[in-house]
C-alpha cells in the first residue's frame, strides 16, 4: 500500500504513512483530529477531520490526475506519443530507456527526465530523484518583476520547491523567493525558475544561485527527516 500522508502535530512533521496507518492512528488516538495532514500536490495542510470526511474524493483525485495527462517521450532524437501515463510506463519500462529518455506534457516548458517529475516517479514505482525531498510547512513569498505572490510551501529539496495554486506563475518564469518555516533554523532566500505546472495547480520550482547557508539548511532538514521520519520545530 502506498504511503501518501504526512502528519503535523505539536510542531512535528512525521511520515509518510499509509491510509491504513493514519486511520489506525486516529482510532487509537495517536493523533487527535485537530492534527494536520498533507500530501504531495496539496496546497495547504488540512485537519484530520476534513481528511477523513473527504478521503474517497482525495484518493480518486490521485488516479484522475495521473491518468488524464497525455505524454510524449523522446529518446535518441526520436519522439513517440501521445499516450496516457499507463501506456507511457509500459513503453518506457519495456524498452529499458528509463534513465535516458525524456518526457513532455502540457504545462511543461521543456522536455524532462522521469526522475525530475514526482508524479511519474511515484506512478512508475522507481527510485526517488537525485535530490531527496521532504514535506515542509512554511510560508513562501515569490517575486516576479513587480508582482509578489504568497502561499504555503509543500515540499523541499536542495534542488527546489513544490507548491500549489500561486497565481500568475508560468513555466520558464525567473523569480526570487523567500521561505520561512518553523521547521528550518533560518529563512531560505534564493533565485529560481518555474520548471513545470501540473494538474490541480501543482508547481515545481528549481533553485538558481542557492547560497551555501540555505543549501546547508535544506540538506540538514531533509537528512533529519529521512533519518527519523519526522522533524521537530527548529530551536
Protein backbone atom coordinates (compact mmCIF):
# COMPACT_ATOMS: atom_id res chain seq x y z
CA UNK A 1 0.00 0.00 0.00
CA UNK A 2 1.37 3.42 -0.98
CA UNK A 3 2.32 5.88 1.76
CA UNK A 4 0.93 9.30 0.87
CA UNK A 5 0.31 11.13 4.12
CA UNK A 6 2.38 13.40 6.35
CA UNK A 7 1.14 14.46 9.81
CA UNK A 8 1.86 17.79 11.54
CA UNK A 9 1.27 17.59 15.29
CA UNK A 10 2.76 19.61 18.13
CA UNK A 11 5.37 21.22 15.86
CA UNK A 12 6.46 17.83 14.48
CA UNK A 13 6.14 16.63 10.87
CA UNK A 14 6.16 12.84 10.50
CA UNK A 15 5.50 10.39 7.69
CA UNK A 16 4.85 9.31 5.05
CA UNK A 17 2.12 6.99 6.31
CA UNK A 18 -0.28 4.68 4.52
CA UNK A 19 -4.00 5.35 4.67
CA UNK A 20 -4.41 2.37 7.00
CA UNK A 21 -1.74 3.69 9.35
CA UNK A 22 -3.40 7.09 9.60
CA UNK A 23 -6.85 5.60 10.15
CA UNK A 24 -5.48 3.31 12.86
CA UNK A 25 -3.68 6.27 14.44
CA UNK A 26 -6.94 8.17 14.66
CA UNK A 27 -8.77 5.19 16.17
CA UNK A 28 -6.03 4.62 18.75
CA UNK A 29 -5.88 8.38 19.45
CA UNK A 30 -2.21 8.51 18.49
CA UNK A 31 -3.22 11.69 16.71
CA UNK A 32 -6.09 13.97 17.64
CA UNK A 33 -8.48 15.02 14.91
CA UNK A 34 -7.21 18.61 15.06
CA UNK A 35 -3.78 17.49 13.82
CA UNK A 36 -2.94 18.46 10.25
CA UNK A 37 -2.31 16.23 7.24
CA UNK A 38 -0.58 16.95 3.92
CA UNK A 39 0.23 15.02 0.75
CA UNK A 40 2.17 15.85 -2.39
CA UNK A 41 0.28 18.28 -4.59
CA UNK A 42 -1.88 19.55 -1.74
CA UNK A 43 -1.96 23.35 -1.36
CA UNK A 44 -2.36 23.54 2.42
CA UNK A 45 -2.33 21.28 5.46
CA UNK A 46 -5.87 20.25 6.43
CA UNK A 47 -7.28 18.78 9.64
CA UNK A 48 -7.65 15.03 10.02
CA UNK A 49 -11.39 15.58 10.38
CA UNK A 50 -11.54 17.08 6.87
CA UNK A 51 -9.18 14.38 5.62
CA UNK A 52 -11.49 11.62 6.92
CA UNK A 53 -14.57 13.30 5.51
CA UNK A 54 -13.08 13.75 2.02
CA UNK A 55 -10.83 10.68 1.79
CA UNK A 56 -12.69 8.88 -1.03
CA UNK A 57 -12.61 12.02 -3.18
CA UNK A 58 -8.94 12.64 -2.40
CA UNK A 59 -7.93 9.10 -3.32
CA UNK A 60 -9.95 9.27 -6.52
CA UNK A 61 -8.24 12.53 -7.47
CA UNK A 62 -4.86 10.78 -7.39
CA UNK A 63 -5.97 8.38 -10.09
CA UNK A 64 -7.62 11.12 -12.12
CA UNK A 65 -4.59 13.42 -12.02
CA UNK A 66 -2.16 10.73 -13.13
CA UNK A 67 -4.31 9.06 -15.74
CA UNK A 68 -5.63 12.10 -17.57
CA UNK A 69 -2.23 13.55 -18.51
CA UNK A 70 -1.20 12.99 -22.13
CA UNK A 71 2.52 12.35 -22.60
CA UNK A 72 5.17 12.30 -25.29
CA UNK A 73 8.54 10.58 -24.93
CA UNK A 74 11.85 11.41 -26.65
CA UNK A 75 14.85 9.10 -26.92
CA UNK A 76 17.91 9.47 -29.16
CA UNK A 77 16.15 12.13 -31.20
CA UNK A 78 13.03 10.03 -31.83
CA UNK A 79 9.64 11.03 -30.39
CA UNK A 80 6.66 8.84 -29.58
CA UNK A 81 3.16 9.80 -28.45
CA UNK A 82 0.61 10.85 -27.50
CA UNK A 83 -0.01 8.29 -24.75
CA UNK A 84 -1.53 8.19 -21.30
CA UNK A 85 0.54 7.54 -18.18
CA UNK A 86 -0.11 3.78 -18.20
CA UNK A 87 0.97 3.50 -21.83
CA UNK A 88 3.98 5.70 -21.11
CA UNK A 89 5.03 3.50 -18.20
CA UNK A 90 4.65 0.32 -20.25
CA UNK A 91 6.64 1.72 -23.17
CA UNK A 92 9.50 3.13 -21.07
CA UNK A 93 9.86 0.11 -18.80
CA UNK A 94 9.62 -2.44 -21.63
CA UNK A 95 12.25 -0.68 -23.75
CA UNK A 96 14.66 -0.07 -20.86
CA UNK A 97 15.07 3.64 -21.51
CA UNK A 98 14.00 4.90 -18.07
CA UNK A 99 17.32 6.59 -17.30
CA UNK A 100 17.94 8.09 -20.73
CA UNK A 101 14.60 9.19 -22.18
CA UNK A 102 12.85 12.50 -21.66
CA UNK A 103 9.12 13.17 -21.49
CA UNK A 104 6.79 16.11 -22.04
CA UNK A 105 3.17 17.01 -21.36
CA UNK A 106 1.12 20.21 -21.48
CA UNK A 107 2.23 22.61 -18.73
CA UNK A 108 5.95 21.83 -19.02
CA UNK A 109 8.31 24.36 -20.59
CA UNK A 110 10.88 21.74 -21.60
CA UNK A 111 11.48 18.01 -22.01
CA UNK A 112 12.34 16.43 -18.65
CA UNK A 113 13.69 13.13 -17.36
CA UNK A 114 11.25 10.90 -15.47
CA UNK A 115 13.22 11.38 -12.24
CA UNK A 116 12.54 15.12 -12.42
CA UNK A 117 8.76 14.63 -12.25
CA UNK A 118 7.46 13.45 -8.85
CA UNK A 119 4.08 12.24 -10.21
CA UNK A 120 5.76 9.89 -12.68
CA UNK A 121 8.39 8.71 -10.19
CA UNK A 122 5.64 7.58 -7.82
CA UNK A 123 3.44 6.20 -10.57
CA UNK A 124 6.30 4.17 -12.05
CA UNK A 125 7.35 2.94 -8.58
CA UNK A 126 11.01 3.71 -9.23
CA UNK A 127 13.72 5.20 -7.06
CA UNK A 128 13.36 8.78 -5.97
CA UNK A 129 15.00 11.79 -7.59
CA UNK A 130 18.67 12.74 -7.33
CA UNK A 131 17.96 15.31 -4.62
CA UNK A 132 15.87 13.80 -1.83
CA UNK A 133 12.94 15.88 -0.67
CA UNK A 134 10.74 16.23 2.38
CA UNK A 135 7.39 17.89 3.15
CA UNK A 136 7.68 21.36 4.60
CA UNK A 137 5.24 23.60 6.44
CA UNK A 138 6.01 27.25 5.85
CA UNK A 139 5.17 30.49 4.10
CA UNK A 140 6.55 31.07 0.61
CA UNK A 141 6.92 34.56 -0.87
CA UNK A 142 7.70 34.77 -4.59
CA UNK A 143 8.53 37.93 -6.53
CA UNK A 144 8.39 38.11 -10.32
CA UNK A 145 9.10 41.55 -11.75
CA UNK A 146 6.77 43.83 -9.75
CA UNK A 147 4.38 41.05 -8.75
CA UNK A 148 4.54 39.42 -5.31
CA UNK A 149 2.57 36.26 -4.50
CA UNK A 150 2.44 34.38 -1.21
CA UNK A 151 1.24 30.97 -0.12
CA UNK A 152 2.16 27.73 1.64
CA UNK A 153 5.10 25.60 0.53
CA UNK A 154 4.51 21.88 0.08
CA UNK A 155 7.84 20.10 -0.27
CA UNK A 156 11.52 20.99 -0.45
CA UNK A 157 14.90 19.67 -1.58
CA UNK A 158 18.26 21.26 -2.29
CA UNK A 159 17.13 21.29 -5.92
CA UNK A 160 13.88 23.19 -5.49
CA UNK A 161 10.40 23.55 -4.05
CA UNK A 162 6.94 22.16 -4.72
CA UNK A 163 3.79 24.19 -4.06
CA UNK A 164 0.27 24.78 -5.32
CA UNK A 165 -2.06 27.49 -6.55
CA UNK A 166 0.13 30.60 -6.54
CA UNK A 167 -1.38 32.54 -9.41
CA UNK A 168 0.49 34.35 -12.15
CA UNK A 169 3.38 31.89 -12.49
CA UNK A 170 4.22 30.02 -15.68
CA UNK A 171 6.91 27.54 -16.76
CA UNK A 172 10.08 29.42 -17.64
CA UNK A 173 9.44 32.34 -15.26
CA UNK A 174 12.51 33.53 -13.37
CA UNK A 175 11.71 34.59 -9.81
CA UNK A 176 13.18 35.44 -6.43
CA UNK A 177 11.84 33.74 -3.31
CA UNK A 178 11.86 33.65 0.46
CA UNK A 179 10.70 30.65 2.51
CA UNK A 180 10.06 30.97 6.23
CA UNK A 181 9.26 27.88 8.27
CA UNK A 182 9.28 26.99 11.97
CA UNK A 183 10.92 23.73 10.90
CA UNK A 184 14.02 25.46 9.47
CA UNK A 185 16.72 27.16 11.52
CA UNK A 186 16.83 30.12 9.10
CA UNK A 187 14.77 31.54 6.21
CA UNK A 188 15.65 30.40 2.69
CA UNK A 189 16.45 33.10 0.14
CA UNK A 190 17.15 32.23 -3.49
CA UNK A 191 16.61 32.93 -7.14
CA UNK A 192 14.65 30.29 -9.02
CA UNK A 193 12.88 29.19 -12.17
CA UNK A 194 9.41 27.73 -12.59
CA UNK A 195 10.08 24.36 -14.22
CA UNK A 196 6.57 23.00 -14.66
CA UNK A 197 2.96 23.30 -13.66
CA UNK A 198 0.81 20.19 -13.46
CA UNK A 199 -2.78 19.17 -12.82
CA UNK A 200 -4.55 20.69 -9.82
CA UNK A 201 -2.17 23.67 -9.82
CA UNK A 202 0.91 21.85 -8.58
CA UNK A 203 4.06 23.79 -9.47
CA UNK A 204 7.71 22.77 -9.47
CA UNK A 205 10.40 25.38 -8.86
CA UNK A 206 14.13 24.90 -9.42
CA UNK A 207 16.61 26.84 -7.29
CA UNK A 208 19.17 29.00 -9.04
CA UNK A 209 22.05 30.62 -7.15
CA UNK A 210 21.10 28.98 -3.84
CA UNK A 211 23.66 30.21 -1.32
CA UNK A 212 25.73 27.80 0.75
CA UNK A 213 23.95 28.63 4.01
CA UNK A 214 20.49 27.96 2.58
CA UNK A 215 21.65 24.78 0.84
CA UNK A 216 23.13 23.51 4.12
CA UNK A 217 19.91 24.37 5.99
CA UNK A 218 17.77 22.45 3.49
CA UNK A 219 20.13 19.47 3.29
CA UNK A 220 20.18 19.16 7.08
CA UNK A 221 16.39 19.34 7.27
CA UNK A 222 15.87 16.67 4.58
CA UNK A 223 18.55 14.42 6.07
CA UNK A 224 16.99 14.60 9.53
CA UNK A 225 13.57 13.85 8.08
CA UNK A 226 14.84 10.82 6.16
CA UNK A 227 16.72 9.54 9.20
CA UNK A 228 13.89 9.88 11.70
CA UNK A 229 10.71 10.06 9.61
CA UNK A 230 9.82 13.30 11.37
CA UNK A 231 11.13 16.79 12.04
CA UNK A 232 10.81 18.79 15.24
CA UNK A 233 10.31 22.54 15.27
CA UNK A 234 13.66 24.29 14.82
CA UNK A 235 15.04 25.78 18.02
